[in-house]
Amino acid sequence: MKILIIVTLVAIIASLGHALFSMSSGRRDRAMVRALTVRVTLSVALFAMLMIGWYTGHIQPHGLR
């Protein structure tokens, strides 16, 4: 579960980088919009994975002491 979360975070960063590259290089706007759509979808999926992991007990929250 934790590895899947890390992979999703890396994919979010890669998608954001792709959108930045598309925007700065003057490429098609569709590539940038698609990359940002993928990023938002991955962010929602990451949030769902975190909530499911917490609910099932795979992820334990800890407080600062």
PDB file of N, CA and C in Angstrom:
ATOM      1  N   MET A   1       0.821  -1.188   0.000  1.00  0.00           N
ATOM      2  CA  MET A   1       0.000   0.000   0.000  1.00  0.00           C
ATOM      3  C   MET A   1       0.869   1.259   0.000  1.00  0.00           C
ATOM      4  N   LYS A   2       1.931   1.244   0.824  1.00  0.00           N
ATOM      5  CA  LYS A   2       2.784   2.423   0.914  1.00  0.00           C
ATOM      6  C   LYS A   2       3.560   2.643  -0.377  1.00  0.00           C
ATOM      7  N   ILE A   3       3.966   1.559  -1.020  1.00  0.00           N
ATOM      8  CA  ILE A   3       4.691   1.685  -2.291  1.00  0.00           C
ATOM      9  C   ILE A   3       3.767   2.249  -3.369  1.00  0.00           C
ATOM     10  N   LEU A   4       2.523   1.816  -3.367  1.00  0.00           N
ATOM     11  CA  LEU A   4       1.542   2.334  -4.331  1.00  0.00           C
ATOM     12  C   LEU A   4       1.319   3.831  -4.139  1.00  0.00           C
ATOM     13  N   ILE A   5       1.314   4.284  -2.899  1.00  0.00           N
ATOM     14  CA  ILE A   5       1.154   5.707  -2.611  1.00  0.00           C
ATOM     15  C   ILE A   5       2.357   6.486  -3.123  1.00  0.00           C
ATOM     16  N   ILE A   6       3.552   5.971  -2.914  1.00  0.00           N
ATOM     17  CA  ILE A   6       4.761   6.649  -3.385  1.00  0.00           C
ATOM     18  C   ILE A   6       4.791   6.703  -4.908  1.00  0.00           C
ATOM     19  N   VAL A   7       4.417   5.609  -5.557  1.00  0.00           N
ATOM     20  CA  VAL A   7       4.375   5.583  -7.026  1.00  0.00           C
ATOM     21  C   VAL A   7       3.367   6.609  -7.548  1.00  0.00           C
ATOM     22  N   THR A   8       2.231   6.731  -6.875  1.00  0.00           N
ATOM     23  CA  THR A   8       1.228   7.708  -7.290  1.00  0.00           C
ATOM     24  C   THR A   8       1.750   9.134  -7.119  1.00  0.00           C
ATOM     25  N   LEU A   9       2.463   9.401  -6.040  1.00  0.00           N
ATOM     26  CA  LEU A   9       3.055  10.725  -5.846  1.00  0.00           C
ATOM     27  C   LEU A   9       4.066  11.056  -6.938  1.00  0.00           C
ATOM     28  N   VAL A  10       4.887  10.083  -7.307  1.00  0.00           N
ATOM     29  CA  VAL A  10       5.862  10.295  -8.383  1.00  0.00           C
ATOM     30  C   VAL A  10       5.144  10.543  -9.708  1.00  0.00           C
ATOM     31  N   ALA A  11       4.066   9.824  -9.961  1.00  0.00           N
ATOM     32  CA  ALA A  11       3.303  10.030 -11.195  1.00  0.00           C
ATOM     33  C   ALA A  11       2.653  11.410 -11.224  1.00  0.00           C
ATOM     34  N   ILE A  12       2.202  11.896 -10.077  1.00  0.00           N
ATOM     35  CA  ILE A  12       1.624  13.242 -10.005  1.00  0.00           C
ATOM     36  C   ILE A  12       2.681  14.282 -10.351  1.00  0.00           C
ATOM     37  N   ILE A  13       3.864  14.138  -9.793  1.00  0.00           N
ATOM     38  CA  ILE A  13       4.952  15.082 -10.072  1.00  0.00           C
ATOM     39  C   ILE A  13       5.373  15.010 -11.534  1.00  0.00           C
ATOM     40  N   ALA A  14       5.427  13.804 -12.097  1.00  0.00           N
ATOM     41  CA  ALA A  14       5.787  13.652 -13.506  1.00  0.00           C
ATOM     42  C   ALA A  14       4.734  14.299 -14.416  1.00  0.00           C
ATOM     43  N   SER A  15       3.477  14.137 -14.087  1.00  0.00           N
ATOM     44  CA  SER A  15       2.417  14.744 -14.881  1.00  0.00           C
ATOM     45  C   SER A  15       2.471  16.265 -14.800  1.00  0.00           C
ATOM     46  N   LEU A  16       2.760  16.787 -13.620  1.00  0.00           N
ATOM     47  CA  LEU A  16       2.896  18.228 -13.455  1.00  0.00           C
ATOM     48  C   LEU A  16       4.092  18.754 -14.248  1.00  0.00           C
ATOM     49  N   GLY A  17       5.193  18.001 -14.262  1.00  0.00           N
ATOM     50  CA  GLY A  17       6.352  18.377 -15.069  1.00  0.00           C
ATOM     51  C   GLY A  17       6.053  18.351 -16.556  1.00  0.00           C
ATOM     52  N   HIS A  18       5.285  17.377 -16.982  1.00  0.00           N
ATOM     53  CA  HIS A  18       4.912  17.292 -18.397  1.00  0.00           C
ATOM     54  C   HIS A  18       4.058  18.490 -18.795  1.00  0.00           C
ATOM     55  N   ALA A  19       3.144  18.880 -17.917  1.00  0.00           N
ATOM     56  CA  ALA A  19       2.306  20.053 -18.210  1.00  0.00           C
ATOM     57  C   ALA A  19       3.150  21.321 -18.267  1.00  0.00           C
ATOM     58  N   LEU A  20       4.128  21.436 -17.372  1.00  0.00           N
ATOM     59  CA  LEU A  20       5.012  22.594 -17.392  1.00  0.00           C
ATOM     60  C   LEU A  20       5.834  22.635 -18.669  1.00  0.00           C
ATOM     61  N   PHE A  21       6.351  21.493 -19.081  1.00  0.00           N
ATOM     62  CA  PHE A  21       7.121  21.421 -20.321  1.00  0.00           C
ATOM     63  C   PHE A  21       6.245  21.788 -21.517  1.00  0.00           C
ATOM     64  N   SER A  22       5.021  21.295 -21.548  1.00  0.00           N
ATOM     65  CA  SER A  22       4.106  21.602 -22.648  1.00  0.00           C
ATOM     66  C   SER A  22       3.775  23.087 -22.695  1.00  0.00           C
ATOM     67  N   MET A  23       3.606  23.686 -21.534  1.00  0.00           N
ATOM     68  CA  MET A  23       3.272  25.102 -21.481  1.00  0.00           C
ATOM     69  C   MET A  23       4.472  25.965 -21.892  1.00  0.00           C
ATOM     70  N   SER A  24       5.653  25.622 -21.423  1.00  0.00           N
ATOM     71  CA  SER A  24       6.820  26.465 -21.690  1.00  0.00           C
ATOM     72  C   SER A  24       7.364  26.296 -23.099  1.00  0.00           C
ATOM     73  N   SER A  25       7.148  25.151 -23.708  1.00  0.00           N
ATOM     74  CA  SER A  25       7.679  24.931 -25.052  1.00  0.00           C
ATOM     75  C   SER A  25       6.728  25.404 -26.142  1.00  0.00           C
ATOM     76  N   GLY A  26       5.531  25.826 -25.769  1.00  0.00           N
ATOM     77  CA  GLY A  26       4.582  26.323 -26.756  1.00  0.00           C
ATOM     78  C   GLY A  26       3.944  25.219 -27.573  1.00  0.00           C
ATOM     79  N   ARG A  27       3.966  24.015 -27.028  1.00  0.00           N
ATOM     80  CA  ARG A  27       3.323  22.908 -27.740  1.00  0.00           C
ATOM     81  C   ARG A  27       1.812  23.064 -27.666  1.00  0.00           C
ATOM     82  N   ARG A  28       1.138  22.070 -28.169  1.00  0.00           N
ATOM     83  CA  ARG A  28      -0.324  22.114 -28.188  1.00  0.00           C
ATOM     84  C   ARG A  28      -0.891  22.291 -26.783  1.00  0.00           C
ATOM     85  N   ASP A  29      -1.995  22.999 -26.732  1.00  0.00           N
ATOM     86  CA  ASP A  29      -2.669  23.188 -25.449  1.00  0.00           C
ATOM     87  C   ASP A  29      -3.312  21.895 -24.960  1.00  0.00           C
ATOM     88  N   ARG A  30      -3.651  21.018 -25.892  1.00  0.00           N
ATOM     89  CA  ARG A  30      -4.299  19.760 -25.503  1.00  0.00           C
ATOM     90  C   ARG A  30      -3.387  18.899 -24.652  1.00  0.00           C
ATOM     91  N   ALA A  31      -2.096  18.912 -24.952  1.00  0.00           N
ATOM     92  CA  ALA A  31      -1.153  18.110 -24.164  1.00  0.00           C
ATOM     93  C   ALA A  31      -1.099  18.614 -22.727  1.00  0.00           C
ATOM     94  N   MET A  32      -1.104  19.926 -22.558  1.00  0.00           N
ATOM     95  CA  MET A  32      -1.066  20.502 -21.219  1.00  0.00           C
ATOM     96  C   MET A  32      -2.356  20.191 -20.465  1.00  0.00           C
ATOM     97  N   VAL A  33      -3.486  20.338 -21.114  1.00  0.00           N
ATOM     98  CA  VAL A  33      -4.769  20.068 -20.469  1.00  0.00           C
ATOM     99  C   VAL A  33      -4.876  18.591 -20.098  1.00  0.00           C
ATOM    100  N   ARG A  34      -4.420  17.716 -20.972  1.00  0.00           N
ATOM    101  CA  ARG A  34      -4.457  16.278 -20.686  1.00  0.00           C
ATOM    102  C   ARG A  34      -3.567  15.942 -19.494  1.00  0.00           C
ATOM    103  N   ALA A  35      -2.365  16.537 -19.441  1.00  0.00           N
ATOM    104  CA  ALA A  35      -1.457  16.270 -18.329  1.00  0.00           C
ATOM    105  C   ALA A  35      -2.039  16.770 -17.010  1.00  0.00           C
ATOM    106  N   LEU A  36      -2.672  17.927 -17.027  1.00  0.00           N
ATOM    107  CA  LEU A  36      -3.282  18.447 -15.799  1.00  0.00           C
ATOM    108  C   LEU A  36      -4.501  17.629 -15.394  1.00  0.00           C
ATOM    109  N   THR A  37      -5.238  17.115 -16.370  1.00  0.00           N
ATOM    110  CA  THR A  37      -6.368  16.238 -16.064  1.00  0.00           C
ATOM    111  C   THR A  37      -5.889  14.945 -15.416  1.00  0.00           C
ATOM    112  N   VAL A  38      -4.809  14.407 -15.932  1.00  0.00           N
ATOM    113  CA  VAL A  38      -4.220  13.196 -15.336  1.00  0.00           C
ATOM    114  C   VAL A  38      -3.768  13.488 -13.911  1.00  0.00           C
ATOM    115  N   ARG A  39      -3.171  14.657 -13.692  1.00  0.00           N
ATOM    116  CA  ARG A  39      -2.698  15.009 -12.354  1.00  0.00           C
ATOM    117  C   ARG A  39      -3.848  15.110 -11.357  1.00  0.00           C
ATOM    118  N   VAL A  40      -4.937  15.737 -11.768  1.00  0.00           N
ATOM    119  CA  VAL A  40      -6.091  15.859 -10.875  1.00  0.00           C
ATOM    120  C   VAL A  40      -6.682  14.482 -10.586  1.00  0.00           C
ATOM    121  N   THR A  41      -6.779  13.652 -11.594  1.00  0.00           N
ATOM    122  CA  THR A  41      -7.307  12.300 -11.404  1.00  0.00           C
ATOM    123  C   THR A  41      -6.428  11.492 -10.456  1.00  0.00           C
ATOM    124  N   LEU A  42      -5.113  11.594 -10.628  1.00  0.00           N
ATOM    125  CA  LEU A  42      -4.195  10.886  -9.734  1.00  0.00           C
ATOM    126  C   LEU A  42      -4.275  11.427  -8.309  1.00  0.00           C
ATOM    127  N   SER A  43      -4.492  12.725  -8.158  1.00  0.00           N
ATOM    128  CA  SER A  43      -4.620  13.308  -6.824  1.00  0.00           C
ATOM    129  C   SER A  43      -5.868  12.798  -6.114  1.00  0.00           C
ATOM    130  N   VAL A  44      -6.956  12.693  -6.841  1.00  0.00           N
ATOM    131  CA  VAL A  44      -8.188  12.151  -6.254  1.00  0.00           C
ATOM    132  C   VAL A  44      -7.994  10.679  -5.891  1.00  0.00           C
ATOM    133  N   ALA A  45      -7.322   9.936  -6.762  1.00  0.00           N
ATOM    134  CA  ALA A  45      -7.048   8.525  -6.481  1.00  0.00           C
ATOM    135  C   ALA A  45      -6.138   8.385  -5.260  1.00  0.00           C
ATOM    136  N   LEU A  46      -5.137   9.258  -5.128  1.00  0.00           N
ATOM    137  CA  LEU A  46      -4.257   9.222  -3.966  1.00  0.00           C
ATOM    138  C   LEU A  46      -5.036   9.497  -2.688  1.00  0.00           C
ATOM    139  N   PHE A  47      -5.914  10.488  -2.715  1.00  0.00           N
ATOM    140  CA  PHE A  47      -6.736  10.778  -1.546  1.00  0.00           C
ATOM    141  C   PHE A  47      -7.595   9.571  -1.174  1.00  0.00           C
ATOM    142  N   ALA A  48      -8.187   8.932  -2.170  1.00  0.00           N
ATOM    143  CA  ALA A  48      -9.012   7.750  -1.905  1.00  0.00           C
ATOM    144  C   ALA A  48      -8.168   6.618  -1.324  1.00  0.00           C
ATOM    145  N   MET A  49      -6.958   6.424  -1.867  1.00  0.00           N
ATOM    146  CA  MET A  49      -6.078   5.371  -1.336  1.00  0.00           C
ATOM    147  C   MET A  49      -5.695   5.654   0.110  1.00  0.00           C
ATOM    148  N   LEU A  50      -5.424   6.904   0.438  1.00  0.00           N
ATOM    149  CA  LEU A  50      -5.078   7.253   1.817  1.00  0.00           C
ATOM    150  C   LEU A  50      -6.245   7.000   2.760  1.00  0.00           C
ATOM    151  N   MET A  51      -7.441   7.353   2.331  1.00  0.00           N
ATOM    152  CA  MET A  51      -8.605   7.133   3.186  1.00  0.00           C
ATOM    153  C   MET A  51      -8.893   5.639   3.366  1.00  0.00           C
ATOM    154  N   ILE A  52      -8.773   4.875   2.280  1.00  0.00           N
ATOM    155  CA  ILE A  52      -8.994   3.422   2.373  1.00  0.00           C
ATOM    156  C   ILE A  52      -7.919   2.778   3.234  1.00  0.00           C
ATOM    157  N   GLY A  53      -6.670   3.188   3.066  1.00  0.00           N
ATOM    158  CA  GLY A  53      -5.578   2.649   3.875  1.00  0.00           C
ATOM    159  C   GLY A  53      -5.750   2.953   5.347  1.00  0.00           C
ATOM    160  N   TRP A  54      -6.215   4.152   5.667  1.00  0.00           N
ATOM    161  CA  TRP A  54      -6.456   4.507   7.057  1.00  0.00           C
ATOM    162  C   TRP A  54      -7.637   3.720   7.629  1.00  0.00           C
ATOM    163  N   TYR A  55      -8.697   3.581   6.826  1.00  0.00           N
ATOM    164  CA  TYR A  55      -9.891   2.873   7.286  1.00  0.00           C
ATOM    165  C   TYR A  55      -9.605   1.388   7.537  1.00  0.00           C
ATOM    166  N   THR A  56      -8.808   0.768   6.666  1.00  0.00           N
ATOM    167  CA  THR A  56      -8.520  -0.658   6.817  1.00  0.00           C
ATOM    168  C   THR A  56      -7.375  -0.934   7.789  1.00  0.00           C
ATOM    169  N   GLY A  57      -6.680   0.108   8.225  1.00  0.00           N
ATOM    170  CA  GLY A  57      -5.616  -0.081   9.205  1.00  0.00           C
ATOM    171  C   GLY A  57      -4.235  -0.273   8.609  1.00  0.00           C
ATOM    172  N   HIS A  58      -4.083  -0.163   7.307  1.00  0.00           N
ATOM    173  CA  HIS A  58      -2.769  -0.296   6.686  1.00  0.00           C
ATOM    174  C   HIS A  58      -1.885   0.911   6.959  1.00  0.00           C
ATOM    175  N   ILE A  59      -2.517   2.056   7.194  1.00  0.00           N
ATOM    176  CA  ILE A  59      -1.795   3.293   7.473  1.00  0.00           C
ATOM    177  C   ILE A  59      -2.260   3.787   8.834  1.00  0.00           C
ATOM    178  N   GLN A  60      -1.314   4.007   9.742  1.00  0.00           N
ATOM    179  CA  GLN A  60      -1.643   4.483  11.071  1.00  0.00           C
ATOM    180  C   GLN A  60      -1.196   5.931  11.226  1.00  0.00           C
ATOM    181  N   PRO A  61      -2.100   6.825  11.563  1.00  0.00           N
ATOM    182  CA  PRO A  61      -1.696   8.209  11.807  1.00  0.00           C
ATOM    183  C   PRO A  61      -0.918   8.304  13.119  1.00  0.00           C
ATOM    184  N   HIS A  62       0.003   9.227  13.156  1.00  0.00           N
ATOM    185  CA  HIS A  62       0.744   9.457  14.396  1.00  0.00           C
ATOM    186  C   HIS A  62       0.861  10.958  14.606  1.00  0.00           C
ATOM    187  N   GLY A  63       0.832  11.350  15.837  1.00  0.00           N
ATOM    188  CA  GLY A  63       0.892  12.775  16.163  1.00  0.00           C
ATOM    189  C   GLY A  63       2.316  13.198  16.485  1.00  0.00           C
ATOM    190  N   LEU A  64       2.524  14.478  16.484  1.00  0.00           N
ATOM    191  CA  LEU A  64       3.812  15.016  16.861  1.00  0.00           C
ATOM    192  C   LEU A  64       3.881  15.099  18.383  1.00  0.00           C
ATOM    193  N   ARG A  65       5.018  14.734  18.925  1.00  0.00           N
ATOM    194  CA  ARG A  65       5.165  14.764  20.390  1.00  0.00           C
ATOM    195  C   ARG A  65       6.245  15.716  20.772  1.00  0.00           C
TER     196      ARG A  65
END
